[in-house]
Amino acid sequence: LQQEAIDEMDDSWEKELDNKNRTEWEKRNREETDKREFEDNRKNGVDNFGGNGIIRVDKTEIRATPNSITEVVNKKGGIDRNYYDSEGKQSKQISNNDHGKPKQHPFGKNGEHAHDYIWEDGKLIGRPVRELTEAERKENGDVL
């Protein structure tokens, strides 16, 4: 879904980044993508939001069951939720803490943050960190 959103964009986003605050653009783009993902998952019968149907695993895998959400409880007690797209590739990770690295995760009350997974030609090329959207906070309120 994220790649579809990227493909739909034209070069105007580069100009927008030059003219406006990058963080605001990323937040707005993420919220639009979240809405599309939520609607797509609802249409496909996935009811994994808000702690329902989440699969507990011992280790985060970069690929899993398509349209699933896994959850890992880390050694120090933090929780990572891992979202997978329709191809089973990890698309997003929500963490409820800063992993003991507050400078790299200066978000929220406890360092809670998200990583968006960027794929190109079947390979993971990036996972930038960002603040959670309000929709993500609501969906993951049981662990934040």
C-alpha atoms as a PDB file:
ATOM      1  CA  LEU A   1       0.000   0.000   0.000  1.00  0.00           C
ATOM      2  CA  GLN A   2       2.792   2.398   0.807  1.00  0.00           C
ATOM      3  CA  GLN A   3       4.402   1.692  -2.551  1.00  0.00           C
ATOM      4  CA  GLU A   4       1.059   2.318  -4.264  1.00  0.00           C
ATOM      5  CA  ALA A   5       0.827   5.674  -2.524  1.00  0.00           C
ATOM      6  CA  ILE A   6       4.379   6.507  -3.583  1.00  0.00           C
ATOM      7  CA  ASP A   7       3.636   5.466  -7.165  1.00  0.00           C
ATOM      8  CA  GLU A   8       0.559   7.737  -7.238  1.00  0.00           C
ATOM      9  CA  MET A   9       2.627  10.792  -6.311  1.00  0.00           C
ATOM     10  CA  ASP A  10       4.165  13.041  -8.916  1.00  0.00           C
ATOM     11  CA  ASP A  11       7.255  15.219  -8.639  1.00  0.00           C
ATOM     12  CA  SER A  12       5.289  17.935  -6.852  1.00  0.00           C
ATOM     13  CA  TRP A  13       6.158  16.344  -3.507  1.00  0.00           C
ATOM     14  CA  GLU A  14       9.798  17.364  -3.973  1.00  0.00           C
ATOM     15  CA  LYS A  15       8.773  20.991  -4.380  1.00  0.00           C
ATOM     16  CA  GLU A  16       6.475  20.711  -1.393  1.00  0.00           C
ATOM     17  CA  LEU A  17       9.352  19.355   0.708  1.00  0.00           C
ATOM     18  CA  ASP A  18      11.495  22.299  -0.361  1.00  0.00           C
ATOM     19  CA  ASN A  19       8.779  24.801   0.515  1.00  0.00           C
ATOM     20  CA  LYS A  20       7.298  23.325   3.701  1.00  0.00           C
ATOM     21  CA  ASN A  21       8.369  21.580   6.821  1.00  0.00           C
ATOM     22  CA  ARG A  22       9.293  17.962   5.956  1.00  0.00           C
ATOM     23  CA  THR A  23       7.855  16.659   9.210  1.00  0.00           C
ATOM     24  CA  GLU A  24       4.420  18.111   8.473  1.00  0.00           C
ATOM     25  CA  TRP A  25       4.442  16.583   4.988  1.00  0.00           C
ATOM     26  CA  GLU A  26       5.401  13.163   6.384  1.00  0.00           C
ATOM     27  CA  LYS A  27       2.692  13.352   9.064  1.00  0.00           C
ATOM     28  CA  ARG A  28      -0.015  14.288   6.553  1.00  0.00           C
ATOM     29  CA  ASN A  29       1.126  11.608   4.102  1.00  0.00           C
ATOM     30  CA  ARG A  30       1.263   8.948   6.861  1.00  0.00           C
ATOM     31  CA  GLU A  31      -2.256   9.795   8.075  1.00  0.00           C
ATOM     32  CA  GLU A  32      -3.622   9.454   4.526  1.00  0.00           C
ATOM     33  CA  THR A  33      -1.820   6.118   4.122  1.00  0.00           C
ATOM     34  CA  ASP A  34      -3.109   4.903   7.517  1.00  0.00           C
ATOM     35  CA  LYS A  35      -6.691   5.643   6.477  1.00  0.00           C
ATOM     36  CA  ARG A  36      -6.235   3.692   3.219  1.00  0.00           C
ATOM     37  CA  GLU A  37      -4.580   0.753   5.023  1.00  0.00           C
ATOM     38  CA  PHE A  38      -7.333   0.650   7.646  1.00  0.00           C
ATOM     39  CA  GLU A  39     -10.079   0.648   4.994  1.00  0.00           C
ATOM     40  CA  ASP A  40      -8.268  -1.985   2.906  1.00  0.00           C
ATOM     41  CA  ASN A  41      -7.818  -4.220   5.942  1.00  0.00           C
ATOM     42  CA  ARG A  42     -11.484  -3.829   6.898  1.00  0.00           C
ATOM     43  CA  LYS A  43     -12.536  -4.799   3.348  1.00  0.00           C
ATOM     44  CA  ASN A  44     -10.292  -7.884   3.537  1.00  0.00           C
ATOM     45  CA  GLY A  45     -11.844  -8.993   6.825  1.00  0.00           C
ATOM     46  CA  VAL A  46      -8.764  -8.292   8.957  1.00  0.00           C
ATOM     47  CA  ASP A  47      -9.710  -7.290  12.495  1.00  0.00           C
ATOM     48  CA  ASN A  48      -6.254  -6.974  14.011  1.00  0.00           C
ATOM     49  CA  PHE A  49      -6.484  -3.365  15.216  1.00  0.00           C
ATOM     50  CA  GLY A  50      -6.699  -2.418  18.888  1.00  0.00           C
ATOM     51  CA  GLY A  51      -5.153  -5.620  20.207  1.00  0.00           C
ATOM     52  CA  ASN A  52      -7.562  -8.024  18.481  1.00  0.00           C
ATOM     53  CA  GLY A  53      -6.112 -10.968  16.584  1.00  0.00           C
ATOM     54  CA  ILE A  54      -2.497  -9.964  17.113  1.00  0.00           C
ATOM     55  CA  ILE A  55      -0.036 -12.844  16.848  1.00  0.00           C
ATOM     56  CA  ARG A  56       2.554 -13.081  19.650  1.00  0.00           C
ATOM     57  CA  VAL A  57       5.994 -14.064  18.380  1.00  0.00           C
ATOM     58  CA  ASP A  58       9.462 -14.378  19.911  1.00  0.00           C
ATOM     59  CA  LYS A  59      11.241 -12.541  17.117  1.00  0.00           C
ATOM     60  CA  THR A  60      10.356  -9.919  14.525  1.00  0.00           C
ATOM     61  CA  GLU A  61      10.512 -11.301  11.005  1.00  0.00           C
ATOM     62  CA  ILE A  62      10.712  -9.119   7.907  1.00  0.00           C
ATOM     63  CA  ARG A  63       8.115 -11.356   6.207  1.00  0.00           C
ATOM     64  CA  ALA A  64       5.037 -12.973   7.723  1.00  0.00           C
ATOM     65  CA  THR A  65       1.431 -13.873   6.928  1.00  0.00           C
ATOM     66  CA  PRO A  66      -0.053 -11.254   4.587  1.00  0.00           C
ATOM     67  CA  ASN A  67      -2.207  -8.574   6.263  1.00  0.00           C
ATOM     68  CA  SER A  68      -1.214  -9.717   9.745  1.00  0.00           C
ATOM     69  CA  ILE A  69       0.121  -8.010  12.841  1.00  0.00           C
ATOM     70  CA  THR A  70       2.678  -9.627  15.120  1.00  0.00           C
ATOM     71  CA  GLU A  71       3.791  -8.530  18.561  1.00  0.00           C
ATOM     72  CA  VAL A  72       7.137  -9.025  20.276  1.00  0.00           C
ATOM     73  CA  VAL A  73       7.736  -8.388  23.979  1.00  0.00           C
ATOM     74  CA  ASN A  74      11.368  -7.337  24.238  1.00  0.00           C
ATOM     75  CA  LYS A  75      13.782  -8.417  26.981  1.00  0.00           C
ATOM     76  CA  LYS A  76      13.446  -5.084  28.801  1.00  0.00           C
ATOM     77  CA  GLY A  77       9.641  -5.181  28.579  1.00  0.00           C
ATOM     78  CA  GLY A  78       9.032  -2.949  25.569  1.00  0.00           C
ATOM     79  CA  ILE A  79       6.536  -4.029  22.923  1.00  0.00           C
ATOM     80  CA  ASP A  80       6.928  -3.868  19.147  1.00  0.00           C
ATOM     81  CA  ARG A  81       3.942  -4.365  16.853  1.00  0.00           C
ATOM     82  CA  ASN A  82       4.809  -5.353  13.316  1.00  0.00           C
ATOM     83  CA  TYR A  83       2.405  -4.743  10.439  1.00  0.00           C
ATOM     84  CA  TYR A  84       2.577  -6.756   7.212  1.00  0.00           C
ATOM     85  CA  ASP A  85       1.155  -5.830   3.812  1.00  0.00           C
ATOM     86  CA  SER A  86      -0.841  -7.935   1.348  1.00  0.00           C
ATOM     87  CA  GLU A  87       2.400  -9.556   0.118  1.00  0.00           C
ATOM     88  CA  GLY A  88       3.557 -10.447   3.639  1.00  0.00           C
ATOM     89  CA  LYS A  89       6.333  -7.827   3.703  1.00  0.00           C
ATOM     90  CA  GLN A  90       6.732  -5.784   6.858  1.00  0.00           C
ATOM     91  CA  SER A  91       5.280  -2.328   6.220  1.00  0.00           C
ATOM     92  CA  LYS A  92       5.402  -0.704   9.649  1.00  0.00           C
ATOM     93  CA  GLN A  93       6.569  -1.218  13.216  1.00  0.00           C
ATOM     94  CA  ILE A  94       5.066   0.494  16.258  1.00  0.00           C
ATOM     95  CA  SER A  95       7.239   0.561  19.407  1.00  0.00           C
ATOM     96  CA  ASN A  96       5.953   1.664  22.793  1.00  0.00           C
ATOM     97  CA  ASN A  97       9.361   2.846  24.055  1.00  0.00           C
ATOM     98  CA  ASP A  98      12.660   4.372  22.971  1.00  0.00           C
ATOM     99  CA  HIS A  99      14.726   1.144  23.334  1.00  0.00           C
ATOM    100  CA  GLY A 100      16.990   3.005  25.769  1.00  0.00           C
ATOM    101  CA  LYS A 101      17.988   5.440  22.991  1.00  0.00           C
ATOM    102  CA  PRO A 102      16.069   8.669  23.674  1.00  0.00           C
ATOM    103  CA  LYS A 103      18.158  10.737  21.254  1.00  0.00           C
ATOM    104  CA  GLN A 104      17.159   8.504  18.324  1.00  0.00           C
ATOM    105  CA  HIS A 105      13.504   8.317  19.453  1.00  0.00           C
ATOM    106  CA  PRO A 106      12.539  11.734  20.906  1.00  0.00           C
ATOM    107  CA  PHE A 107       8.805  11.112  20.561  1.00  0.00           C
ATOM    108  CA  GLY A 108       5.760  10.850  22.811  1.00  0.00           C
ATOM    109  CA  LYS A 109       5.783  10.397  26.543  1.00  0.00           C
ATOM    110  CA  ASN A 110       7.895   7.214  26.588  1.00  0.00           C
ATOM    111  CA  GLY A 111       9.683   7.410  23.256  1.00  0.00           C
ATOM    112  CA  GLU A 112       6.873   5.585  21.464  1.00  0.00           C
ATOM    113  CA  HIS A 113       7.396   5.786  17.718  1.00  0.00           C
ATOM    114  CA  ALA A 114       6.907   4.135  14.339  1.00  0.00           C
ATOM    115  CA  HIS A 115       9.191   2.873  11.615  1.00  0.00           C
ATOM    116  CA  ASP A 116       7.882   2.768   8.047  1.00  0.00           C
ATOM    117  CA  TYR A 117       9.450   0.024   5.949  1.00  0.00           C
ATOM    118  CA  ILE A 118      10.416   1.087   2.428  1.00  0.00           C
ATOM    119  CA  TRP A 119      10.836  -1.629  -0.194  1.00  0.00           C
ATOM    120  CA  GLU A 120      12.313  -1.420  -3.680  1.00  0.00           C
ATOM    121  CA  ASP A 121      12.578  -4.336  -6.096  1.00  0.00           C
ATOM    122  CA  GLY A 122      11.730  -6.771  -3.296  1.00  0.00           C
ATOM    123  CA  LYS A 123      14.488  -5.469  -0.992  1.00  0.00           C
ATOM    124  CA  LEU A 124      14.166  -3.417   2.168  1.00  0.00           C
ATOM    125  CA  ILE A 125      15.934  -0.102   1.551  1.00  0.00           C
ATOM    126  CA  GLY A 126      14.945   1.911   4.612  1.00  0.00           C
ATOM    127  CA  ARG A 127      12.953   2.169   7.821  1.00  0.00           C
ATOM    128  CA  PRO A 128      12.757   5.827   8.852  1.00  0.00           C
ATOM    129  CA  VAL A 129      11.555   6.654  12.357  1.00  0.00           C
ATOM    130  CA  ARG A 130       8.682   9.042  13.058  1.00  0.00           C
ATOM    131  CA  GLU A 131       6.056  10.167  15.578  1.00  0.00           C
ATOM    132  CA  LEU A 132       2.876   8.088  15.849  1.00  0.00           C
ATOM    133  CA  THR A 133      -0.286   9.446  14.243  1.00  0.00           C
ATOM    134  CA  GLU A 134      -3.441   9.854  16.336  1.00  0.00           C
ATOM    135  CA  ALA A 135      -4.964   6.864  14.514  1.00  0.00           C
ATOM    136  CA  GLU A 136      -1.946   4.714  15.438  1.00  0.00           C
ATOM    137  CA  ARG A 137      -2.150   5.860  19.057  1.00  0.00           C
ATOM    138  CA  LYS A 138      -5.800   4.849  19.170  1.00  0.00           C
ATOM    139  CA  GLU A 139      -5.219   1.475  17.490  1.00  0.00           C
ATOM    140  CA  ASN A 140      -2.349   0.645  19.860  1.00  0.00           C
ATOM    141  CA  GLY A 141      -3.686   2.310  23.002  1.00  0.00           C
ATOM    142  CA  ASP A 142      -3.625  -0.998  24.867  1.00  0.00           C
ATOM    143  CA  VAL A 143       0.192  -1.006  24.856  1.00  0.00           C
ATOM    144  CA  LEU A 144       1.058   2.719  24.882  1.00  0.00           C
END
